[in-house]
Structure formats: structure tokens, C-alpha cells
Protein backbone atom coordinates (compact mmCIF):
# COMPACT_ATOMS: atom_id res chain seq x y z
CA MET A 1 -0.84 33.65 -19.69
CA ALA A 2 -0.06 36.34 -17.14
CA ALA A 3 1.96 35.43 -14.04
CA GLY A 4 -1.00 36.32 -11.84
CA GLU A 5 -3.13 33.66 -13.54
CA ILE A 6 -0.80 30.81 -12.60
CA THR A 7 -2.11 28.68 -9.74
CA ARG A 8 -0.59 26.14 -7.40
CA PRO A 9 -2.37 23.18 -9.10
CA MET A 10 -0.75 24.25 -12.38
CA LEU A 11 2.67 24.19 -10.75
CA GLU A 12 1.96 20.81 -9.18
CA ARG A 13 1.07 19.45 -12.60
CA TYR A 14 4.40 20.78 -13.87
CA GLN A 15 6.12 19.11 -10.93
CA ARG A 16 4.51 15.80 -11.85
CA HIS A 17 5.57 16.38 -15.45
CA LEU A 18 9.18 16.71 -14.32
CA TYR A 19 8.91 13.54 -12.28
CA TYR A 20 7.65 11.49 -15.23
CA THR A 21 9.91 13.11 -17.86
CA ARG A 22 12.53 10.78 -19.33
CA LYS A 23 15.85 11.71 -20.90
CA PRO A 24 16.80 10.40 -24.37
CA ASN A 25 18.43 7.37 -22.71
CA GLY A 26 15.18 6.51 -20.97
CA GLN A 27 16.38 7.52 -17.51
CA PRO A 28 14.31 9.89 -15.31
CA LEU A 29 15.49 13.36 -14.47
CA SER A 30 17.66 13.34 -11.36
CA LEU A 31 16.24 14.82 -8.18
CA LEU A 32 18.90 17.53 -8.41
CA THR A 33 17.68 18.51 -11.88
CA GLN A 34 14.06 18.53 -10.77
CA ARG A 35 14.94 20.71 -7.78
CA LYS A 36 16.86 23.12 -10.03
CA TYR A 37 13.84 23.70 -12.28
CA LEU A 38 11.50 24.12 -9.33
CA ASP A 39 13.92 26.38 -7.45
CA THR A 40 13.99 28.68 -10.47
CA ILE A 41 10.19 28.89 -10.45
CA LYS A 42 10.03 29.54 -6.71
CA SER A 43 12.66 32.28 -7.02
CA LEU A 44 10.78 33.90 -9.90
CA PHE A 45 7.51 34.10 -7.99
CA ARG A 46 9.23 35.39 -4.85
CA HIS A 47 10.69 38.16 -6.99
CA LEU A 48 7.30 38.97 -8.54
CA VAL A 49 5.72 39.25 -5.09
CA ARG A 50 8.50 41.54 -3.86
CA GLN A 51 8.01 43.70 -6.94
CA ARG A 52 4.25 43.69 -6.27
CA ARG A 53 3.63 42.32 -9.73
CA ILE A 54 1.42 39.63 -8.20
CA ALA A 55 -0.48 39.57 -4.90
CA HIS A 56 -0.04 35.89 -4.07
CA ASN A 57 2.85 33.48 -4.52
CA PRO A 58 1.44 30.21 -5.95
CA ALA A 59 4.82 28.52 -5.51
CA GLY A 60 5.17 29.49 -1.86
CA GLU A 61 4.04 26.12 -0.53
CA LEU A 62 5.39 24.05 -3.39
CA GLU A 63 7.61 21.41 -1.76
CA LEU A 64 10.80 20.35 -3.45
CA PRO A 65 11.45 16.64 -4.10
CA ARG A 66 13.49 14.79 -1.50
CA ALA A 67 15.82 11.89 -1.95
CA HIS A 68 13.86 8.67 -1.84
CA ARG A 69 14.66 5.23 -0.54
CA ARG A 70 15.00 2.48 -3.09
CA LEU A 71 12.46 -0.31 -3.06
CA PRO A 72 13.96 -3.35 -1.31
CA ARG A 73 15.54 -6.01 -3.50
CA GLY A 74 13.67 -8.79 -1.72
CA ILE A 75 10.43 -8.80 -3.70
CA LEU A 76 8.28 -11.81 -4.53
CA SER A 77 7.02 -12.36 -8.03
CA ALA A 78 3.29 -12.92 -8.47
CA ASP A 79 3.92 -16.62 -9.10
CA GLU A 80 6.08 -16.89 -5.98
CA VAL A 81 3.27 -15.37 -3.94
CA GLU A 82 0.88 -18.00 -5.25
CA THR A 83 3.36 -20.73 -4.32
CA VAL A 84 3.60 -19.40 -0.76
CA LEU A 85 -0.17 -19.14 -0.41
CA ALA A 86 -0.62 -22.72 -1.59
CA GLN A 87 1.54 -24.03 1.27
CA THR A 88 -1.24 -23.42 3.77
CA SER A 89 -3.34 -26.25 2.34
CA ALA A 90 -1.23 -28.79 4.27
CA PHE A 91 -2.36 -27.53 7.68
CA GLY A 92 -6.09 -28.09 7.81
CA LEU A 93 -8.17 -25.49 9.63
CA ARG A 94 -5.08 -23.73 10.94
CA GLY A 95 -4.00 -23.42 7.34
CA VAL A 96 -7.31 -21.73 6.51
CA ARG A 97 -6.58 -19.06 9.11
CA ASP A 98 -3.01 -18.68 7.89
CA ARG A 99 -4.16 -18.45 4.27
CA ALA A 100 -6.59 -15.69 5.26
CA ILE A 101 -3.78 -13.81 7.01
CA LEU A 102 -1.45 -14.11 4.03
CA GLU A 103 -4.20 -13.12 1.62
CA VAL A 104 -4.99 -9.98 3.63
CA LEU A 105 -1.30 -9.02 3.80
CA TYR A 106 -0.91 -9.51 0.06
CA ALA A 107 -4.19 -7.87 -0.91
CA THR A 108 -3.77 -4.74 1.20
CA GLY A 109 -0.09 -4.31 2.05
CA ILE A 110 -0.93 -3.38 5.63
CA ARG A 111 1.72 -3.54 8.34
CA ARG A 112 1.85 -6.52 10.68
CA SER A 113 0.81 -4.34 13.64
CA GLU A 114 -2.16 -3.11 11.63
CA LEU A 115 -3.18 -6.67 10.81
CA ALA A 116 -2.84 -7.72 14.45
CA ASN A 117 -5.13 -4.85 15.47
CA LEU A 118 -7.89 -5.62 12.97
CA ALA A 119 -11.33 -6.12 14.50
CA LEU A 120 -14.31 -8.03 13.17
CA TYR A 121 -16.10 -4.81 12.27
CA ASP A 122 -13.18 -3.43 10.23
CA LEU A 123 -14.06 -5.59 7.21
CA ASP A 124 -16.94 -4.53 4.99
CA PHE A 125 -17.69 -7.56 2.85
CA ALA A 126 -20.46 -5.78 0.94
CA GLN A 127 -18.31 -2.81 -0.07
CA GLY A 128 -15.04 -4.72 -0.38
CA THR A 129 -13.17 -2.38 1.94
CA LEU A 130 -10.98 -2.62 5.01
CA MET A 131 -10.71 0.03 7.72
CA VAL A 132 -7.24 0.33 9.19
CA ARG A 133 -7.57 2.08 12.54
CA LYS A 134 -4.77 4.03 14.15
CA GLY A 135 -2.09 2.99 11.72
CA LYS A 136 1.35 4.53 11.75
CA GLY A 137 1.01 8.09 12.96
CA GLY A 138 -2.31 7.26 14.63
CA LYS A 139 -4.28 7.79 11.42
CA ASP A 140 -7.22 5.77 10.11
CA ARG A 141 -7.55 4.86 6.45
CA LEU A 142 -10.14 3.06 4.34
CA ILE A 143 -8.71 0.88 1.59
CA PRO A 144 -10.02 -1.71 -0.87
CA ILE A 145 -9.43 -5.41 -0.35
CA GLY A 146 -9.62 -8.11 -3.01
CA GLU A 147 -12.44 -10.61 -3.33
CA ARG A 148 -10.14 -13.59 -2.85
CA ALA A 149 -8.87 -12.25 0.48
CA LEU A 150 -12.48 -11.70 1.53
CA ARG A 151 -13.42 -15.25 0.57
CA TRP A 152 -10.68 -16.78 2.66
CA THR A 153 -11.38 -14.47 5.58
CA ASP A 154 -15.07 -15.35 5.42
CA ARG A 155 -14.20 -19.04 5.47
CA TYR A 156 -11.92 -18.46 8.47
CA LEU A 157 -14.70 -16.63 10.29
CA ARG A 158 -17.18 -19.43 9.62
CA GLU A 159 -15.03 -22.51 10.14
CA VAL A 160 -12.04 -21.61 12.29
CA ARG A 161 -12.46 -18.58 14.52
CA PRO A 162 -15.43 -20.03 16.46
CA GLN A 163 -13.13 -22.89 17.52
CA LEU A 164 -10.35 -20.54 18.60
CA VAL A 165 -12.22 -17.83 20.47
CA VAL A 166 -11.88 -17.98 24.27
CA ASP A 167 -13.48 -14.70 25.23
CA GLY A 168 -16.82 -14.28 23.49
CA GLY A 169 -16.50 -10.52 23.78
CA ASP A 170 -13.16 -10.39 21.97
CA THR A 171 -13.62 -8.66 18.60
CA THR A 172 -10.06 -9.27 17.38
CA LEU A 173 -10.25 -10.59 13.83
CA PHE A 174 -7.32 -13.01 13.75
CA LEU A 175 -6.64 -15.23 16.77
CA THR A 176 -3.74 -17.54 17.62
CA ASP A 177 -4.11 -21.26 18.27
CA HIS A 178 -4.72 -20.33 21.92
CA GLY A 179 -7.45 -17.82 21.14
CA GLN A 180 -5.31 -14.76 21.80
CA PRO A 181 -4.61 -11.74 19.58
CA PHE A 182 -1.41 -12.05 17.58
CA VAL A 183 1.69 -10.14 18.61
CA ASN A 184 3.99 -8.78 15.91
CA ASN A 185 6.74 -11.38 16.28
CA ARG A 186 4.26 -14.26 16.14
CA LEU A 187 2.90 -12.96 12.85
CA SER A 188 6.43 -12.68 11.45
CA ASP A 189 7.19 -16.26 12.51
CA LEU A 190 3.99 -17.48 10.85
CA VAL A 191 4.81 -15.82 7.54
CA LYS A 192 8.46 -16.92 7.63
CA SER A 193 7.44 -20.53 8.15
CA TYR A 194 5.60 -20.56 4.83
CA LEU A 195 8.39 -18.73 3.01
CA GLU A 196 10.88 -21.31 4.28
CA ARG A 197 8.71 -24.16 2.98
CA CYS A 198 9.16 -22.70 -0.51
CA ASP A 199 12.95 -22.34 -0.17
CA LEU A 200 12.66 -18.70 -1.18
CA ASP A 201 15.82 -16.80 -0.35
CA LYS A 202 14.03 -13.52 0.28
CA PRO A 203 14.56 -11.38 3.39
CA GLY A 204 11.63 -10.26 5.51
CA ALA A 205 8.24 -11.66 6.39
CA CYS A 206 5.08 -9.54 6.69
CA HIS A 207 6.86 -6.52 5.21
CA LEU A 208 7.92 -8.66 2.25
CA PHE A 209 4.25 -8.96 1.28
CA ARG A 210 3.82 -5.21 1.79
CA HIS A 211 6.70 -4.37 -0.54
CA THR A 212 5.59 -7.02 -3.01
CA MET A 213 2.07 -5.62 -3.20
CA ALA A 214 3.33 -2.10 -3.84
CA THR A 215 5.90 -3.17 -6.42
CA LEU A 216 3.55 -5.42 -8.41
CA MET A 217 0.84 -2.76 -8.50
CA LEU A 218 3.38 -0.20 -9.72
CA GLU A 219 4.58 -2.60 -12.38
CA ASN A 220 0.99 -3.00 -13.54
CA GLY A 221 0.54 0.74 -13.93
CA ALA A 222 -0.79 2.02 -10.61
CA ASP A 223 0.00 5.66 -9.89
CA LEU A 224 2.33 6.25 -6.94
CA ARG A 225 -0.36 8.36 -5.25
CA TYR A 226 -2.66 5.35 -4.97
CA ILE A 227 0.12 3.20 -3.57
CA GLN A 228 0.71 5.95 -1.03
CA VAL A 229 -2.88 5.74 0.18
CA MET A 230 -2.85 1.94 0.27
CA LEU A 231 0.29 1.88 2.39
CA GLY A 232 -0.78 4.71 4.67
CA HIS A 233 2.21 6.96 4.02
CA ALA A 234 1.89 10.61 4.96
CA ARG A 235 3.83 11.53 1.81
CA LEU A 236 5.58 9.83 -1.04
CA GLU A 237 9.33 9.87 -0.65
CA THR A 238 9.77 9.78 -4.41
CA THR A 239 7.60 12.84 -4.89
CA THR A 240 6.36 15.48 -2.51
CA ILE A 241 2.97 15.87 -4.12
CA TYR A 242 0.22 14.44 -1.94
CA THR A 243 -3.21 13.83 -3.34
CA GLN A 244 -6.12 12.63 -1.22
CA VAL A 245 -7.74 9.89 -3.25
CA ALA A 246 -11.42 9.07 -3.00
CA ILE A 247 -12.10 5.46 -2.10
CA ARG A 248 -14.10 4.93 -5.31
CA LYS A 249 -11.22 5.97 -7.52
CA LEU A 250 -8.76 4.05 -5.37
CA LYS A 251 -10.85 0.89 -5.77
CA GLU A 252 -10.94 1.34 -9.55
CA VAL A 253 -7.15 1.56 -9.73
CA TYR A 254 -6.76 -1.32 -7.28
CA GLU A 255 -9.05 -3.59 -9.28
CA ARG A 256 -7.23 -2.73 -12.48
CA THR A 257 -3.69 -3.25 -11.19
CA HIS A 258 -3.51 -5.70 -8.27
CA PRO A 259 -2.58 -9.21 -9.44
CA ALA A 260 -4.96 -10.84 -6.94
CA ARG A 261 -7.86 -9.16 -8.73
CA MET A 262 -6.93 -10.84 -12.00
CA GLU A 263 -7.39 -14.42 -13.17
CA ARG A 264 -4.46 -16.55 -12.05
CA LYS A 265 -3.80 -20.18 -12.87
CA HIS A 266 -3.10 -20.98 -9.21
CA ASP A 267 -6.19 -19.22 -7.88
CA GLY A 268 -7.34 -21.36 -4.96
CA GLU A 269 -10.96 -21.63 -3.94
CA ALA A 270 -11.87 -20.77 -0.38
């Protein structure tokens, strides 16, 4: 293949190949090694452009991998999540609301501020999707949400929210005991209270469910690009390749990899 026939998508595929390549000991290539290979390619194409051997540099906008943050150590197992969720059954109707909140956090991995800002019209029960409006960076995103989270949220909407609402015009999805929208700290306190009931020595609250969702989906085979879309990140810190994923494909991967979409022995009925 001639140099002029090489395209940016080809180079991005090679970049992904480097990311997933494993050494004989099973370890991934270091970021330094990946950068060295890609730097060589970028230098080659810059030289070919200067020599007028090719008209366009396909590697010109190829971004080099950056150092990534490690996933936090405080991650719940799937069974631990089920144990936490089950604690809400001791609190009657308030527990139904809290179960719905925990289910949405676990099913979607959204931030606590994003959950607090959810409106009634952001849930599409027919399509099984959730619209997160003005997330971090002011961006909207449409993501799938599991059937179990929808069941509990539907029960909350039917049995609990009508008793909490003070202002009939308030479209906030989740309301406090006093009929007000949640603030971030109140949501954290709510989640922590259920974690403490389980004697789980895990740091965090709402973000613990966010990290848990991402980690468990990755362990079940989800591609990092789909996790990126679920979490609303502008880019992956473990790889600089960004792929816009169609909601249909994202839902397929979600349904195949998220533990809440699978049969579980502790699956509670809403």
C-alpha cells in the first residue's frame, strides 16, 4: 500500500491495536512505548509531506496517549451492590424512593448533580433511555437505563412522589421528604446511610456507584468507548481515541454487559 493511501481511520485502528496489545508476560504496552511507535509514524508522515510525496498528513491530528488515572480501589462487587439495594426495604415508601435513586445511580453511573437535576420528562420508559441534560461541560447525552431501575422509578412515581410533591408545577424527578429537589450533599448522605448499614468499608457515596458501574461493565467485556459515553467524558484518559456511539449500539453493549440487565439471585421486584 502506498503512503498516500493510508487514512486517519487506519492509523486510529493501529492505535487501538497498540492499546490492546499484550507483552509475553500478559502486561499491556506502556504509554511510553505506545507514544514511541506513534511518534515514529507522525514523524514519517511529516517528512513525506515536506518532501511532497503526499498531499495530506493523515497522522496530523492523531493524538498521542496521555497518562491515565487508575480506577479507584473502592469498588463494590455486584453482590455487594445487591446487598446495599436490599437495605431500602426497611423504610417503607421512603425506601421505595431511595431504592429508585440507588437503582438509577447503579444502572447509569450518572453523577449526583446529574441525578438531582433529572426531570420527569428525562425518562423514556418506552425506549429505555435517560436524557442527562447539561452534564459536566454543559453537554447533553442520551444513555440506556436498565429495566429494573425503570420499574423502581415507575413505582416511586406512582406511589411516593404524589405524596411528596408540594408545588404541582415542579417537574423535578426525585424529591426529598419535604418535597424539595435534592442537593448534592443530601444525596451523598442518603447513599452513605445505606452503605453504613451494610458495614462496607468502601470510600465514597454516589461516585462509588458510578465507579462500580464502569468497572463491572468493563469486567464483563464492555469497550472503553461505550463506558466513555455512559459516563459523559469528553475523552478517555486511557486512550485518546474518541468514537461517537449511536444509542442503538450503546444499548446493545449495555444490555450485554451491565450486571443489572442479567438474572441475579437477589433481584427484587418493584
